[in-house]
């Protein structure tokens, strides 16, 4: 069953990525921003262990559907951030 929430998640993409300490902040194409404390989620352990310099070396997949760190050989799909971290939605711009 396709719901409006699923459609919104599928249509939203990342347009910018940055870190404030151990918090991953992603600016979304619909004007929202999501922040995730990477040291609080086991599935982001690989990113929490990366150096600050490694964290800055990201690229966006076409359409912004995912963020990829070539040097770390791993990435994150935006839909996973939205579906797994809905309690952590915030405006990251205040920390930038």
PDB file of N, CA and C in Angstrom:
ATOM      1  N   UNK A   1       0.835  -1.171   0.000  1.00  0.00           N
ATOM      2  CA  UNK A   1       0.000   0.000   0.000  1.00  0.00           C
ATOM      3  C   UNK A   1       0.886   1.242   0.000  1.00  0.00           C
ATOM      4  N   UNK A   2       0.658   2.109  -0.961  1.00  0.00           N
ATOM      5  CA  UNK A   2       1.401   3.356  -1.046  1.00  0.00           C
ATOM      6  C   UNK A   2       0.640   4.418  -0.272  1.00  0.00           C
ATOM      7  N   UNK A   3       1.320   5.009   0.695  1.00  0.00           N
ATOM      8  CA  UNK A   3       0.697   6.066   1.488  1.00  0.00           C
ATOM      9  C   UNK A   3       1.346   7.394   1.141  1.00  0.00           C
ATOM     10  N   UNK A   4       0.697   8.469   1.547  1.00  0.00           N
ATOM     11  CA  UNK A   4       1.260   9.796   1.314  1.00  0.00           C
ATOM     12  C   UNK A   4       2.625   9.923   1.978  1.00  0.00           C
ATOM     13  N   UNK A   5       2.763   9.388   3.185  1.00  0.00           N
ATOM     14  CA  UNK A   5       4.050   9.454   3.894  1.00  0.00           C
ATOM     15  C   UNK A   5       5.140   8.756   3.097  1.00  0.00           C
ATOM     16  N   UNK A   6       4.835   7.592   2.522  1.00  0.00           N
ATOM     17  CA  UNK A   6       5.825   6.877   1.714  1.00  0.00           C
ATOM     18  C   UNK A   6       6.201   7.678   0.476  1.00  0.00           C
ATOM     19  N   UNK A   7       5.213   8.316  -0.164  1.00  0.00           N
ATOM     20  CA  UNK A   7       5.492   9.126  -1.349  1.00  0.00           C
ATOM     21  C   UNK A   7       6.383  10.305  -1.000  1.00  0.00           C
ATOM     22  N   UNK A   8       6.114  10.953   0.117  1.00  0.00           N
ATOM     23  CA  UNK A   8       6.929  12.097   0.530  1.00  0.00           C
ATOM     24  C   UNK A   8       8.357  11.660   0.776  1.00  0.00           C
ATOM     25  N   UNK A   9       8.551  10.540   1.470  1.00  0.00           N
ATOM     26  CA  UNK A   9       9.896  10.030   1.740  1.00  0.00           C
ATOM     27  C   UNK A   9      10.619   9.728   0.437  1.00  0.00           C
ATOM     28  N   UNK A  10       9.919   9.123  -0.536  1.00  0.00           N
ATOM     29  CA  UNK A  10      10.542   8.773  -1.802  1.00  0.00           C
ATOM     30  C   UNK A  10      10.911  10.002  -2.626  1.00  0.00           C
ATOM     31  N   UNK A  11      10.165  11.090  -2.490  1.00  0.00           N
ATOM     32  CA  UNK A  11      10.379  12.272  -3.310  1.00  0.00           C
ATOM     33  C   UNK A  11      11.370  13.263  -2.707  1.00  0.00           C
ATOM     34  N   UNK A  12      11.704  13.125  -1.447  1.00  0.00           N
ATOM     35  CA  UNK A  12      12.615  14.051  -0.775  1.00  0.00           C
ATOM     36  C   UNK A  12      14.048  13.574  -0.972  1.00  0.00           C
ATOM     37  N   UNK A  13      14.934  14.512  -1.276  1.00  0.00           N
ATOM     38  CA  UNK A  13      16.336  14.177  -1.432  1.00  0.00           C
ATOM     39  C   UNK A  13      17.216  15.106  -0.618  1.00  0.00           C
ATOM     40  N   UNK A  14      18.439  14.683  -0.404  1.00  0.00           N
ATOM     41  CA  UNK A  14      19.420  15.510   0.297  1.00  0.00           C
ATOM     42  C   UNK A  14      19.986  16.542  -0.668  1.00  0.00           C
ATOM     43  N   UNK A  15      20.235  17.751  -0.153  1.00  0.00           N
ATOM     44  CA  UNK A  15      20.884  18.780  -0.968  1.00  0.00           C
ATOM     45  C   UNK A  15      22.170  19.291  -0.319  1.00  0.00           C
ATOM     46  N   UNK A  16      22.347  19.020   0.975  1.00  0.00           N
ATOM     47  CA  UNK A  16      23.566  19.424   1.679  1.00  0.00           C
ATOM     48  C   UNK A  16      23.751  18.528   2.892  1.00  0.00           C
ATOM     49  N   UNK A  17      24.995  18.340   3.264  1.00  0.00           N
ATOM     50  CA  UNK A  17      25.347  17.489   4.404  1.00  0.00           C
ATOM     51  C   UNK A  17      26.454  18.182   5.181  1.00  0.00           C
ATOM     52  N   UNK A  18      26.332  18.201   6.489  1.00  0.00           N
ATOM     53  CA  UNK A  18      27.399  18.739   7.337  1.00  0.00           C
ATOM     54  C   UNK A  18      27.258  18.142   8.731  1.00  0.00           C
ATOM     55  N   UNK A  19      28.288  18.341   9.528  1.00  0.00           N
ATOM     56  CA  UNK A  19      28.319  17.804  10.881  1.00  0.00           C
ATOM     57  C   UNK A  19      28.471  18.930  11.884  1.00  0.00           C
ATOM     58  N   UNK A  20      27.794  18.780  12.998  1.00  0.00           N
ATOM     59  CA  UNK A  20      27.977  19.630  14.168  1.00  0.00           C
ATOM     60  C   UNK A  20      28.370  18.653  15.273  1.00  0.00           C
ATOM     61  N   UNK A  21      29.677  18.570  15.547  1.00  0.00           N
ATOM     62  CA  UNK A  21      30.158  17.554  16.485  1.00  0.00           C
ATOM     63  C   UNK A  21      29.869  16.165  15.929  1.00  0.00           C
ATOM     64  N   UNK A  22      29.199  15.327  16.720  1.00  0.00           N
ATOM     65  CA  UNK A  22      28.826  13.981  16.290  1.00  0.00           C
ATOM     66  C   UNK A  22      27.402  13.920  15.761  1.00  0.00           C
ATOM     67  N   UNK A  23      26.883  15.048  15.326  1.00  0.00           N
ATOM     68  CA  UNK A  23      25.539  15.088  14.766  1.00  0.00           C
ATOM     69  C   UNK A  23      25.619  15.291  13.262  1.00  0.00           C
ATOM     70  N   UNK A  24      25.029  14.359  12.527  1.00  0.00           N
ATOM     71  CA  UNK A  24      24.915  14.462  11.082  1.00  0.00           C
ATOM     72  C   UNK A  24      23.702  15.316  10.767  1.00  0.00           C
ATOM     73  N   UNK A  25      23.899  16.367   9.988  1.00  0.00           N
ATOM     74  CA  UNK A  25      22.804  17.250   9.578  1.00  0.00           C
ATOM     75  C   UNK A  25      22.653  17.168   8.068  1.00  0.00           C
ATOM     76  N   UNK A  26      21.432  16.943   7.630  1.00  0.00           N
ATOM     77  CA  UNK A  26      21.142  16.818   6.207  1.00  0.00           C
ATOM     78  C   UNK A  26      20.045  17.806   5.848  1.00  0.00           C
ATOM     79  N   UNK A  27      20.339  18.707   4.920  1.00  0.00           N
ATOM     80  CA  UNK A  27      19.334  19.627   4.393  1.00  0.00           C
ATOM     81  C   UNK A  27      18.586  18.900   3.285  1.00  0.00           C
ATOM     82  N   UNK A  28      17.272  18.981   3.323  1.00  0.00           N
ATOM     83  CA  UNK A  28      16.432  18.246   2.383  1.00  0.00           C
ATOM     84  C   UNK A  28      15.857  19.153   1.305  1.00  0.00           C
ATOM     85  N   UNK A  29      15.514  18.556   0.188  1.00  0.00           N
ATOM     86  CA  UNK A  29      15.013  19.306  -0.961  1.00  0.00           C
ATOM     87  C   UNK A  29      13.665  19.966  -0.725  1.00  0.00           C
ATOM     88  N   UNK A  30      12.945  19.544   0.302  1.00  0.00           N
ATOM     89  CA  UNK A  30      11.644  20.161   0.588  1.00  0.00           C
ATOM     90  C   UNK A  30      11.751  21.280   1.628  1.00  0.00           C
ATOM     91  N   UNK A  31      12.983  21.673   1.981  1.00  0.00           N
ATOM     92  CA  UNK A  31      13.191  22.772   2.914  1.00  0.00           C
ATOM     93  C   UNK A  31      13.415  22.352   4.354  1.00  0.00           C
ATOM     94  N   UNK A  32      13.170  21.096   4.670  1.00  0.00           N
ATOM     95  CA  UNK A  32      13.411  20.615   6.033  1.00  0.00           C
ATOM     96  C   UNK A  32      14.870  20.228   6.197  1.00  0.00           C
ATOM     97  N   UNK A  33      15.242  19.979   7.434  1.00  0.00           N
ATOM     98  CA  UNK A  33      16.563  19.447   7.760  1.00  0.00           C
ATOM     99  C   UNK A  33      16.363  18.359   8.801  1.00  0.00           C
ATOM    100  N   UNK A  34      17.211  17.357   8.730  1.00  0.00           N
ATOM    101  CA  UNK A  34      17.157  16.275   9.707  1.00  0.00           C
ATOM    102  C   UNK A  34      18.527  16.188  10.362  1.00  0.00           C
ATOM    103  N   UNK A  35      18.531  15.912  11.651  1.00  0.00           N
ATOM    104  CA  UNK A  35      19.803  15.713  12.347  1.00  0.00           C
ATOM    105  C   UNK A  35      19.740  14.397  13.097  1.00  0.00           C
ATOM    106  N   UNK A  36      20.869  13.705  13.087  1.00  0.00           N
ATOM    107  CA  UNK A  36      20.963  12.403  13.732  1.00  0.00           C
ATOM    108  C   UNK A  36      22.277  12.341  14.500  1.00  0.00           C
ATOM    109  N   UNK A  37      22.203  12.009  15.769  1.00  0.00           N
ATOM    110  CA  UNK A  37      23.408  11.799  16.577  1.00  0.00           C
ATOM    111  C   UNK A  37      23.994  10.450  16.171  1.00  0.00           C
ATOM    112  N   UNK A  38      25.069  10.481  15.393  1.00  0.00           N
ATOM    113  CA  UNK A  38      25.584   9.250  14.793  1.00  0.00           C
ATOM    114  C   UNK A  38      26.138   8.268  15.811  1.00  0.00           C
ATOM    115  N   UNK A  39      26.499   8.736  16.980  1.00  0.00           N
ATOM    116  CA  UNK A  39      27.007   7.817  17.997  1.00  0.00           C
ATOM    117  C   UNK A  39      25.882   7.167  18.804  1.00  0.00           C
ATOM    118  N   UNK A  40      24.642   7.468  18.481  1.00  0.00           N
ATOM    119  CA  UNK A  40      23.492   6.891  19.183  1.00  0.00           C
ATOM    120  C   UNK A  40      22.821   5.764  18.397  1.00  0.00           C
ATOM    121  N   UNK A  41      23.266   5.520  17.174  1.00  0.00           N
ATOM    122  CA  UNK A  41      22.654   4.502  16.325  1.00  0.00           C
ATOM    123  C   UNK A  41      23.705   3.499  15.882  1.00  0.00           C
ATOM    124  N   UNK A  42      23.508   2.241  16.213  1.00  0.00           N
ATOM    125  CA  UNK A  42      24.452   1.179  15.867  1.00  0.00           C
ATOM    126  C   UNK A  42      24.699   1.123  14.359  1.00  0.00           C
ATOM    127  N   UNK A  43      23.651   1.364  13.575  1.00  0.00           N
ATOM    128  CA  UNK A  43      23.790   1.267  12.121  1.00  0.00           C
ATOM    129  C   UNK A  43      24.614   2.406  11.527  1.00  0.00           C
ATOM    130  N   UNK A  44      24.970   3.411  12.352  1.00  0.00           N
ATOM    131  CA  UNK A  44      25.842   4.496  11.900  1.00  0.00           C
ATOM    132  C   UNK A  44      27.213   4.448  12.576  1.00  0.00           C
ATOM    133  N   UNK A  45      27.539   3.317  13.172  1.00  0.00           N
ATOM    134  CA  UNK A  45      28.808   3.141  13.875  1.00  0.00           C
ATOM    135  C   UNK A  45      30.006   3.433  12.969  1.00  0.00           C
ATOM    136  N   UNK A  46      29.922   3.013  11.726  1.00  0.00           N
ATOM    137  CA  UNK A  46      31.009   3.240  10.771  1.00  0.00           C
ATOM    138  C   UNK A  46      31.277   4.737  10.573  1.00  0.00           C
ATOM    139  N   UNK A  47      30.238   5.546  10.615  1.00  0.00           N
ATOM    140  CA  UNK A  47      30.391   6.984  10.441  1.00  0.00           C
ATOM    141  C   UNK A  47      30.867   7.648  11.735  1.00  0.00           C
ATOM    142  N   UNK A  48      30.416   7.139  12.857  1.00  0.00           N
ATOM    143  CA  UNK A  48      30.856   7.666  14.154  1.00  0.00           C
ATOM    144  C   UNK A  48      32.357   7.438  14.354  1.00  0.00           C
ATOM    145  N   UNK A  49      32.887   6.348  13.802  1.00  0.00           N
ATOM    146  CA  UNK A  49      34.310   6.029  13.941  1.00  0.00           C
ATOM    147  C   UNK A  49      35.191   6.774  12.939  1.00  0.00           C
ATOM    148  N   UNK A  50      34.590   7.411  11.954  1.00  0.00           N
ATOM    149  CA  UNK A  50      35.354   8.138  10.936  1.00  0.00           C
ATOM    150  C   UNK A  50      35.945   9.415  11.530  1.00  0.00           C
ATOM    151  N   UNK A  51      37.043   9.855  10.947  1.00  0.00           N
ATOM    152  CA  UNK A  51      37.639  11.117  11.387  1.00  0.00           C
ATOM    153  C   UNK A  51      36.789  12.284  10.865  1.00  0.00           C
ATOM    154  N   UNK A  52      36.918  13.448  11.498  1.00  0.00           N
ATOM    155  CA  UNK A  52      36.192  14.619  10.982  1.00  0.00           C
ATOM    156  C   UNK A  52      36.511  14.895   9.507  1.00  0.00           C
ATOM    157  N   UNK A  53      37.767  14.709   9.107  1.00  0.00           N
ATOM    158  CA  UNK A  53      38.143  14.930   7.709  1.00  0.00           C
ATOM    159  C   UNK A  53      37.442  13.926   6.788  1.00  0.00           C
ATOM    160  N   UNK A  54      37.396  12.658   7.189  1.00  0.00           N
ATOM    161  CA  UNK A  54      36.711  11.647   6.380  1.00  0.00           C
ATOM    162  C   UNK A  54      35.223  11.962   6.240  1.00  0.00           C
ATOM    163  N   UNK A  55      34.628  12.475   7.288  1.00  0.00           N
ATOM    164  CA  UNK A  55      33.195  12.786   7.252  1.00  0.00           C
ATOM    165  C   UNK A  55      32.867  13.874   6.245  1.00  0.00           C
ATOM    166  N   UNK A  56      33.823  14.759   5.970  1.00  0.00           N
ATOM    167  CA  UNK A  56      33.557  15.854   5.031  1.00  0.00           C
ATOM    168  C   UNK A  56      33.631  15.412   3.572  1.00  0.00           C
ATOM    169  N   UNK A  57      34.125  14.215   3.321  1.00  0.00           N
ATOM    170  CA  UNK A  57      34.321  13.743   1.945  1.00  0.00           C
ATOM    171  C   UNK A  57      33.135  12.901   1.474  1.00  0.00           C
ATOM    172  N   UNK A  58      31.990  13.529   1.394  1.00  0.00           N
ATOM    173  CA  UNK A  58      30.765  12.856   0.981  1.00  0.00           C
ATOM    174  C   UNK A  58      30.368  13.313  -0.416  1.00  0.00           C
ATOM    175  N   UNK A  59      29.496  12.543  -1.032  1.00  0.00           N
ATOM    176  CA  UNK A  59      28.897  12.937  -2.306  1.00  0.00           C
ATOM    177  C   UNK A  59      27.435  12.522  -2.277  1.00  0.00           C
ATOM    178  N   UNK A  60      26.639  13.202  -3.087  1.00  0.00           N
ATOM    179  CA  UNK A  60      25.219  12.870  -3.182  1.00  0.00           C
ATOM    180  C   UNK A  60      24.994  11.984  -4.391  1.00  0.00           C
ATOM    181  N   UNK A  61      24.194  10.969  -4.210  1.00  0.00           N
ATOM    182  CA  UNK A  61      23.782  10.135  -5.329  1.00  0.00           C
ATOM    183  C   UNK A  61      22.760  10.923  -6.152  1.00  0.00           C
ATOM    184  N   UNK A  62      22.564  10.577  -7.427  1.00  0.00           N
ATOM    185  CA  UNK A  62      21.621  11.314  -8.267  1.00  0.00           C
ATOM    186  C   UNK A  62      20.252  11.480  -7.601  1.00  0.00           C
ATOM    187  N   UNK A  63      19.735  12.686  -7.665  1.00  0.00           N
ATOM    188  CA  UNK A  63      18.445  12.980  -7.049  1.00  0.00           C
ATOM    189  C   UNK A  63      18.527  13.173  -5.548  1.00  0.00           C
ATOM    190  N   UNK A  64      19.725  13.035  -4.990  1.00  0.00           N
ATOM    191  CA  UNK A  64      19.899  13.209  -3.553  1.00  0.00           C
ATOM    192  C   UNK A  64      19.288  12.104  -2.719  1.00  0.00           C
ATOM    193  N   UNK A  65      19.023  10.935  -3.326  1.00  0.00           N
ATOM    194  CA  UNK A  65      18.374   9.860  -2.581  1.00  0.00           C
ATOM    195  C   UNK A  65      19.287   9.235  -1.537  1.00  0.00           C
ATOM    196  N   UNK A  66      20.612   9.448  -1.678  1.00  0.00           N
ATOM    197  CA  UNK A  66      21.558   8.856  -0.731  1.00  0.00           C
ATOM    198  C   UNK A  66      22.805   9.725  -0.633  1.00  0.00           C
ATOM    199  N   UNK A  67      23.503   9.549   0.481  1.00  0.00           N
ATOM    200  CA  UNK A  67      24.776  10.218   0.733  1.00  0.00           C
ATOM    201  C   UNK A  67      25.828   9.118   0.786  1.00  0.00           C
ATOM    202  N   UNK A  68      26.931   9.317   0.071  1.00  0.00           N
ATOM    203  CA  UNK A  68      27.948   8.279  -0.012  1.00  0.00           C
ATOM    204  C   UNK A  68      29.312   8.844   0.362  1.00  0.00           C
ATOM    205  N   UNK A  69      30.046   8.081   1.162  1.00  0.00           N
ATOM    206  CA  UNK A  69      31.410   8.411   1.547  1.00  0.00           C
ATOM    207  C   UNK A  69      32.331   7.394   0.870  1.00  0.00           C
ATOM    208  N   UNK A  70      32.923   7.770  -0.261  1.00  0.00           N
ATOM    209  CA  UNK A  70      33.751   6.850  -1.040  1.00  0.00           C
ATOM    210  C   UNK A  70      34.908   6.299  -0.214  1.00  0.00           C
ATOM    211  N   UNK A  71      35.591   7.173   0.526  1.00  0.00           N
ATOM    212  CA  UNK A  71      36.740   6.749   1.331  1.00  0.00           C
ATOM    213  C   UNK A  71      36.342   5.717   2.389  1.00  0.00           C
ATOM    214  N   UNK A  72      35.118   5.813   2.883  1.00  0.00           N
ATOM    215  CA  UNK A  72      34.622   4.880   3.901  1.00  0.00           C
ATOM    216  C   UNK A  72      33.886   3.699   3.282  1.00  0.00           C
ATOM    217  N   UNK A  73      33.653   3.761   1.975  1.00  0.00           N
ATOM    218  CA  UNK A  73      32.944   2.725   1.224  1.00  0.00           C
ATOM    219  C   UNK A  73      31.596   2.386   1.853  1.00  0.00           C
ATOM    220  N   UNK A  74      30.856   3.432   2.204  1.00  0.00           N
ATOM    221  CA  UNK A  74      29.533   3.232   2.800  1.00  0.00           C
ATOM    222  C   UNK A  74      28.695   4.484   2.581  1.00  0.00           C
ATOM    223  N   UNK A  75      27.412   4.340   2.800  1.00  0.00           N
ATOM    224  CA  UNK A  75      26.519   5.466   2.609  1.00  0.00           C
ATOM    225  C   UNK A  75      25.212   5.282   3.350  1.00  0.00           C
ATOM    226  N   UNK A  76      24.362   6.296   3.207  1.00  0.00           N
ATOM    227  CA  UNK A  76      23.074   6.314   3.898  1.00  0.00           C
ATOM    228  C   UNK A  76      22.009   6.763   2.911  1.00  0.00           C
ATOM    229  N   UNK A  77      20.915   6.035   2.838  1.00  0.00           N
ATOM    230  CA  UNK A  77      19.782   6.472   2.034  1.00  0.00           C
ATOM    231  C   UNK A  77      18.938   7.433   2.864  1.00  0.00           C
ATOM    232  N   UNK A  78      18.499   8.511   2.238  1.00  0.00           N
ATOM    233  CA  UNK A  78      17.702   9.527   2.930  1.00  0.00           C
ATOM    234  C   UNK A  78      16.430   8.917   3.502  1.00  0.00           C
ATOM    235  N   UNK A  79      15.809   7.984   2.788  1.00  0.00           N
ATOM    236  CA  UNK A  79      14.575   7.370   3.296  1.00  0.00           C
ATOM    237  C   UNK A  79      14.817   6.644   4.612  1.00  0.00           C
ATOM    238  N   UNK A  80      16.019   6.081   4.799  1.00  0.00           N
ATOM    239  CA  UNK A  80      16.329   5.423   6.072  1.00  0.00           C
ATOM    240  C   UNK A  80      16.463   6.440   7.196  1.00  0.00           C
ATOM    241  N   UNK A  81      17.080   7.567   6.898  1.00  0.00           N
ATOM    242  CA  UNK A  81      17.168   8.623   7.910  1.00  0.00           C
ATOM    243  C   UNK A  81      15.782   9.093   8.313  1.00  0.00           C
ATOM    244  N   UNK A  82      14.917   9.292   7.331  1.00  0.00           N
ATOM    245  CA  UNK A  82      13.573   9.784   7.622  1.00  0.00           C
ATOM    246  C   UNK A  82      12.724   8.756   8.354  1.00  0.00           C
ATOM    247  N   UNK A  83      12.822   7.494   7.966  1.00  0.00           N
ATOM    248  CA  UNK A  83      11.967   6.485   8.589  1.00  0.00           C
ATOM    249  C   UNK A  83      12.488   6.006   9.938  1.00  0.00           C
ATOM    250  N   UNK A  84      13.803   6.046  10.155  1.00  0.00           N
ATOM    251  CA  UNK A  84      14.375   5.549  11.408  1.00  0.00           C
ATOM    252  C   UNK A  84      14.650   6.627  12.441  1.00  0.00           C
ATOM    253  N   UNK A  85      14.604   7.874  12.041  1.00  0.00           N
ATOM    254  CA  UNK A  85      14.984   8.935  12.970  1.00  0.00           C
ATOM    255  C   UNK A  85      13.941  10.044  13.039  1.00  0.00           C
ATOM    256  N   UNK A  86      12.683   9.709  12.884  1.00  0.00           N
ATOM    257  CA  UNK A  86      11.649  10.742  12.872  1.00  0.00           C
ATOM    258  C   UNK A  86      11.586  11.506  14.184  1.00  0.00           C
ATOM    259  N   UNK A  87      11.994  10.916  15.275  1.00  0.00           N
ATOM    260  CA  UNK A  87      11.999  11.629  16.555  1.00  0.00           C
ATOM    261  C   UNK A  87      13.146  12.620  16.665  1.00  0.00           C
ATOM    262  N   UNK A  88      14.083  12.573  15.714  1.00  0.00           N
ATOM    263  CA  UNK A  88      15.240  13.455  15.761  1.00  0.00           C
ATOM    264  C   UNK A  88      15.179  14.566  14.725  1.00  0.00           C
ATOM    265  N   UNK A  89      14.026  14.751  14.082  1.00  0.00           N
ATOM    266  CA  UNK A  89      13.915  15.823  13.102  1.00  0.00           C
ATOM    267  C   UNK A  89      14.090  17.166  13.790  1.00  0.00           C
ATOM    268  N   UNK A  90      14.890  18.005  13.199  1.00  0.00           N
ATOM    269  CA  UNK A  90      15.134  19.318  13.781  1.00  0.00           C
ATOM    270  C   UNK A  90      15.626  20.259  12.704  1.00  0.00           C
ATOM    271  N   UNK A  91      15.776  21.486  13.050  1.00  0.00           N
ATOM    272  CA  UNK A  91      16.357  22.461  12.151  1.00  0.00           C
ATOM    273  C   UNK A  91      17.837  22.560  12.484  1.00  0.00           C
ATOM    274  N   UNK A  92      18.689  22.030  11.643  1.00  0.00           N
ATOM    275  CA  UNK A  92      20.131  22.003  11.896  1.00  0.00           C
ATOM    276  C   UNK A  92      20.782  23.355  11.708  1.00  0.00           C
ATOM    277  N   UNK A  93      20.119  24.267  11.047  1.00  0.00           N
ATOM    278  CA  UNK A  93      20.753  25.534  10.718  1.00  0.00           C
ATOM    279  C   UNK A  93      21.208  26.308  11.942  1.00  0.00           C
ATOM    280  N   UNK A  94      20.606  26.100  13.078  1.00  0.00           N
ATOM    281  CA  UNK A  94      20.981  26.849  14.276  1.00  0.00           C
ATOM    282  C   UNK A  94      22.382  26.501  14.755  1.00  0.00           C
ATOM    283  N   UNK A  95      22.879  25.310  14.420  1.00  0.00           N
ATOM    284  CA  UNK A  95      24.202  24.900  14.870  1.00  0.00           C
ATOM    285  C   UNK A  95      25.294  25.129  13.852  1.00  0.00           C
ATOM    286  N   UNK A  96      24.956  25.647  12.704  1.00  0.00           N
ATOM    287  CA  UNK A  96      25.923  25.797  11.627  1.00  0.00           C
ATOM    288  C   UNK A  96      26.730  27.049  11.752  1.00  0.00           C
TER     289      UNK A  96
END
